[in-house]
PDB file of N, CA and C in Angstrom:
ATOM      1  N   MET A   1       0.898  -1.050  -0.368  1.00  0.00           N
ATOM      2  CA  MET A   1       0.180  -0.139   0.131  1.00  0.00           C
ATOM      3  C   MET A   1       0.934   1.096  -0.271  1.00  0.00           C
ATOM      4  N   ARG A   2       1.997   1.116   0.686  1.00  0.00           N
ATOM      5  CA  ARG A   2       2.589   2.401   0.761  1.00  0.00           C
ATOM      6  C   ARG A   2       3.586   2.684  -0.082  1.00  0.00           C
ATOM      7  N   LYS A   3       3.642   1.716  -1.133  1.00  0.00           N
ATOM      8  CA  LYS A   3       4.347   1.771  -2.523  1.00  0.00           C
ATOM      9  C   LYS A   3       3.622   2.309  -3.578  1.00  0.00           C
ATOM     10  N   ILE A   4       1.516   2.326  -3.630  1.00  0.00           N
ATOM     11  CA  ILE A   4       1.304   2.663  -3.806  1.00  0.00           C
ATOM     12  C   ILE A   4       0.912   4.328  -3.789  1.00  0.00           C
ATOM     13  N   VAL A   5       0.982   4.697  -2.878  1.00  0.00           N
ATOM     14  CA  VAL A   5       0.889   6.042  -2.421  1.00  0.00           C
ATOM     15  C   VAL A   5       1.994   7.094  -2.667  1.00  0.00           C
ATOM     16  N   VAL A   6       3.544   6.338  -2.631  1.00  0.00           N
ATOM     17  CA  VAL A   6       4.728   7.335  -2.907  1.00  0.00           C
ATOM     18  C   VAL A   6       4.498   7.206  -4.537  1.00  0.00           C
ATOM     19  N   LEU A   7       3.717   6.130  -5.473  1.00  0.00           N
ATOM     20  CA  LEU A   7       3.947   6.119  -6.819  1.00  0.00           C
ATOM     21  C   LEU A   7       3.228   7.088  -7.247  1.00  0.00           C
ATOM     22  N   ALA A   8       1.673   6.873  -6.916  1.00  0.00           N
ATOM     23  CA  ALA A   8       1.222   7.960  -6.698  1.00  0.00           C
ATOM     24  C   ALA A   8       1.750   9.778  -6.517  1.00  0.00           C
ATOM     25  N   ALA A   9       2.387  10.022  -5.429  1.00  0.00           N
ATOM     26  CA  ALA A   9       2.961  11.114  -5.414  1.00  0.00           C
ATOM     27  C   ALA A   9       3.498  11.579  -5.891  1.00  0.00           C
ATOM     28  N   VAL A  10       4.290  10.709  -6.404  1.00  0.00           N
ATOM     29  CA  VAL A  10       5.802  10.887  -7.518  1.00  0.00           C
ATOM     30  C   VAL A  10       4.819  11.218  -9.158  1.00  0.00           C
ATOM     31  N   ALA A  11       3.896  10.427  -9.252  1.00  0.00           N
ATOM     32  CA  ALA A  11       3.272  10.821 -10.655  1.00  0.00           C
ATOM     33  C   ALA A  11       2.489  12.311 -10.952  1.00  0.00           C
ATOM     34  N   THR A  12       1.888  12.442  -9.183  1.00  0.00           N
ATOM     35  CA  THR A  12       1.325  13.691  -9.324  1.00  0.00           C
ATOM     36  C   THR A  12       2.373  14.853  -9.160  1.00  0.00           C
ATOM     37  N   ALA A  13       3.529  14.643  -9.017  1.00  0.00           N
ATOM     38  CA  ALA A  13       4.322  16.019  -8.928  1.00  0.00           C
ATOM     39  C   ALA A  13       4.934  15.722 -10.281  1.00  0.00           C
ATOM     40  N   LEU A  14       4.773  15.070 -10.930  1.00  0.00           N
ATOM     41  CA  LEU A  14       5.447  14.819 -12.409  1.00  0.00           C
ATOM     42  C   LEU A  14       4.430  15.500 -13.430  1.00  0.00           C
ATOM     43  N   LEU A  15       2.963  15.278 -12.667  1.00  0.00           N
ATOM     44  CA  LEU A  15       2.660  16.073 -14.349  1.00  0.00           C
ATOM     45  C   LEU A  15       1.856  17.297 -13.638  1.00  0.00           C
ATOM     46  N   VAL A  16       2.180  17.704 -11.961  1.00  0.00           N
ATOM     47  CA  VAL A  16       1.919  19.346 -12.346  1.00  0.00           C
ATOM     48  C   VAL A  16       3.274  19.901 -12.500  1.00  0.00           C
ATOM     49  N   SER A  17       4.569  18.838 -12.661  1.00  0.00           N
ATOM     50  CA  SER A  17       5.538  20.438 -13.173  1.00  0.00           C
ATOM     51  C   SER A  17       5.648  20.041 -14.524  1.00  0.00           C
ATOM     52  N   ALA A  18       5.147  18.926 -15.493  1.00  0.00           N
ATOM     53  CA  ALA A  18       4.741  19.362 -16.913  1.00  0.00           C
ATOM     54  C   ALA A  18       3.790  20.503 -17.032  1.00  0.00           C
ATOM     55  N   CYS A  19       3.100  20.632 -16.607  1.00  0.00           N
ATOM     56  CA  CYS A  19       2.193  21.768 -16.270  1.00  0.00           C
ATOM     57  C   CYS A  19       2.614  23.114 -16.628  1.00  0.00           C
ATOM     58  N   ASN A  20       3.327  22.921 -15.583  1.00  0.00           N
ATOM     59  CA  ASN A  20       4.116  24.063 -15.608  1.00  0.00           C
ATOM     60  C   ASN A  20       5.489  24.900 -16.587  1.00  0.00           C
ATOM     61  N   THR A  21       5.711  23.656 -16.974  1.00  0.00           N
ATOM     62  CA  THR A  21       6.880  23.915 -18.181  1.00  0.00           C
ATOM     63  C   THR A  21       6.077  23.656 -19.375  1.00  0.00           C
ATOM     64  N   ILE A  22       4.811  23.342 -19.849  1.00  0.00           N
ATOM     65  CA  ILE A  22       3.962  23.850 -21.042  1.00  0.00           C
ATOM     66  C   ILE A  22       3.547  25.256 -20.950  1.00  0.00           C
ATOM     67  N   GLU A  23       3.291  25.909 -19.632  1.00  0.00           N
ATOM     68  CA  GLU A  23       2.873  26.740 -19.306  1.00  0.00           C
ATOM     69  C   GLU A  23       4.136  27.992 -19.954  1.00  0.00           C
ATOM     70  N   GLY A  24       5.228  27.399 -19.435  1.00  0.00           N
ATOM     71  CA  GLY A  24       5.992  28.213 -19.539  1.00  0.00           C
ATOM     72  C   GLY A  24       6.619  28.058 -21.192  1.00  0.00           C
ATOM     73  N   ALA A  25       6.659  27.602 -21.917  1.00  0.00           N
ATOM     74  CA  ALA A  25       6.634  27.328 -22.852  1.00  0.00           C
ATOM     75  C   ALA A  25       5.431  28.433 -24.250  1.00  0.00           C
ATOM     76  N   GLY A  26       4.008  28.101 -23.658  1.00  0.00           N
ATOM     77  CA  GLY A  26       3.670  28.901 -24.229  1.00  0.00           C
ATOM     78  C   GLY A  26       3.765  30.561 -24.242  1.00  0.00           C
ATOM     79  N   ARG A  27       3.919  30.557 -22.753  1.00  0.00           N
ATOM     80  CA  ARG A  27       4.529  31.939 -22.106  1.00  0.00           C
ATOM     81  C   ARG A  27       5.972  32.480 -23.545  1.00  0.00           C
ATOM     82  N   ASP A  28       6.653  31.564 -23.421  1.00  0.00           N
ATOM     83  CA  ASP A  28       7.760  32.084 -24.652  1.00  0.00           C
ATOM     84  C   ASP A  28       7.323  32.109 -25.963  1.00  0.00           C
ATOM     85  N   ILE A  29       6.886  31.181 -26.536  1.00  0.00           N
ATOM     86  CA  ILE A  29       6.037  31.472 -27.974  1.00  0.00           C
ATOM     87  C   ILE A  29       5.090  32.797 -27.843  1.00  0.00           C
ATOM     88  N   SER A  30       4.164  32.707 -26.932  1.00  0.00           N
ATOM     89  CA  SER A  30       3.845  34.125 -26.922  1.00  0.00           C
ATOM     90  C   SER A  30       4.529  35.790 -27.070  1.00  0.00           C
ATOM     91  N   ALA A  31       5.790  35.562 -26.487  1.00  0.00           N
ATOM     92  CA  ALA A  31       6.584  36.406 -26.896  1.00  0.00           C
ATOM     93  C   ALA A  31       7.292  36.620 -27.680  1.00  0.00           C
ATOM     94  N   ALA A  32       7.646  35.659 -28.315  1.00  0.00           N
ATOM     95  CA  ALA A  32       8.045  35.906 -29.834  1.00  0.00           C
ATOM     96  C   ALA A  32       7.089  36.221 -30.544  1.00  0.00           C
ATOM     97  N   GLY A  33       6.072  35.755 -30.619  1.00  0.00           N
ATOM     98  CA  GLY A  33       5.177  36.180 -31.687  1.00  0.00           C
ATOM     99  C   GLY A  33       5.283  37.599 -31.310  1.00  0.00           C
ATOM    100  N   ARG A  34       4.920  37.951 -30.553  1.00  0.00           N
ATOM    101  CA  ARG A  34       4.649  39.081 -29.881  1.00  0.00           C
ATOM    102  C   ARG A  34       6.020  40.419 -30.552  1.00  0.00           C
ATOM    103  N   ALA A  35       6.951  39.814 -30.565  1.00  0.00           N
ATOM    104  CA  ALA A  35       8.667  40.060 -30.969  1.00  0.00           C
ATOM    105  C   ALA A  35       8.113  40.458 -32.643  1.00  0.00           C
ATOM    106  N   VAL A  36       7.964  39.574 -33.098  1.00  0.00           N
ATOM    107  CA  VAL A  36       7.882  39.238 -34.617  1.00  0.00           C
ATOM    108  C   VAL A  36       6.694  40.192 -35.122  1.00  0.00           C
ATOM    109  N   SER A  37       5.582  40.240 -34.298  1.00  0.00           N
ATOM    110  CA  SER A  37       4.528  41.171 -34.934  1.00  0.00           C
ATOM    111  C   SER A  37       4.848  42.310 -34.751  1.00  0.00           C
ATOM    112  N   ASN A  38       5.412  43.670 -33.494  1.00  0.00           N
ATOM    113  CA  ASN A  38       5.970  44.330 -33.386  1.00  0.00           C
ATOM    114  C   ASN A  38       7.062  44.333 -34.645  1.00  0.00           C
ATOM    115  N   THR A  39       8.368  44.006 -34.355  1.00  0.00           N
ATOM    116  CA  THR A  39       9.159  44.015 -35.469  1.00  0.00           C
ATOM    117  C   THR A  39       8.448  44.264 -37.172  1.00  0.00           C
ATOM    118  N   ALA A  40       7.028  43.775 -37.222  1.00  0.00           N
ATOM    119  CA  ALA A  40       6.558  43.720 -38.905  1.00  0.00           C
ATOM    120  C   ALA A  40       5.883  45.659 -38.669  1.00  0.00           C
ATOM    121  N   LYS A  41       5.334  45.470 -37.553  1.00  0.00           N
ATOM    122  CA  LYS A  41       5.011  47.076 -37.201  1.00  0.00           C
ATOM    123  C   LYS A  41       5.853  47.979 -37.450  1.00  0.00           C
ATOM    124  N   ASP A  42       6.815  47.768 -36.852  1.00  0.00           N
ATOM    125  CA  ASP A  42       7.920  48.816 -37.101  1.00  0.00           C
ATOM    126  C   ASP A  42       8.270  48.975 -38.821  1.00  0.00           C
ATOM    127  N   ALA A  43       8.405  47.710 -39.183  1.00  0.00           N
ATOM    128  CA  ALA A  43       8.916  47.655 -40.779  1.00  0.00           C
ATOM    129  C   ALA A  43       7.673  48.507 -41.814  1.00  0.00           C
ATOM    130  N   LYS A  44       6.851  48.590 -40.868  1.00  0.00           N
ATOM    131  CA  LYS A  44       5.647  48.586 -41.966  1.00  0.00           C
ATOM    132  C   LYS A  44       5.404  50.303 -42.209  1.00  0.00           C
ATOM    133  N   ASN A  45       5.689  50.681 -40.715  1.00  0.00           N
ATOM    134  CA  ASN A  45       5.957  52.257 -40.643  1.00  0.00           C
ATOM    135  C   ASN A  45       7.037  52.987 -41.384  1.00  0.00           C
TER     136      ASN A  45
END
């Protein structure tokens, strides 16, 4: 029973960390998109 609890805790920790990693990647991609958009606006003016 103890092994199951430990495995469940480890699995939960991995899932939570994966969500944070994906969220961070989403922010990075969004920031890159804004940079490209701003550069295009600057070039247009």
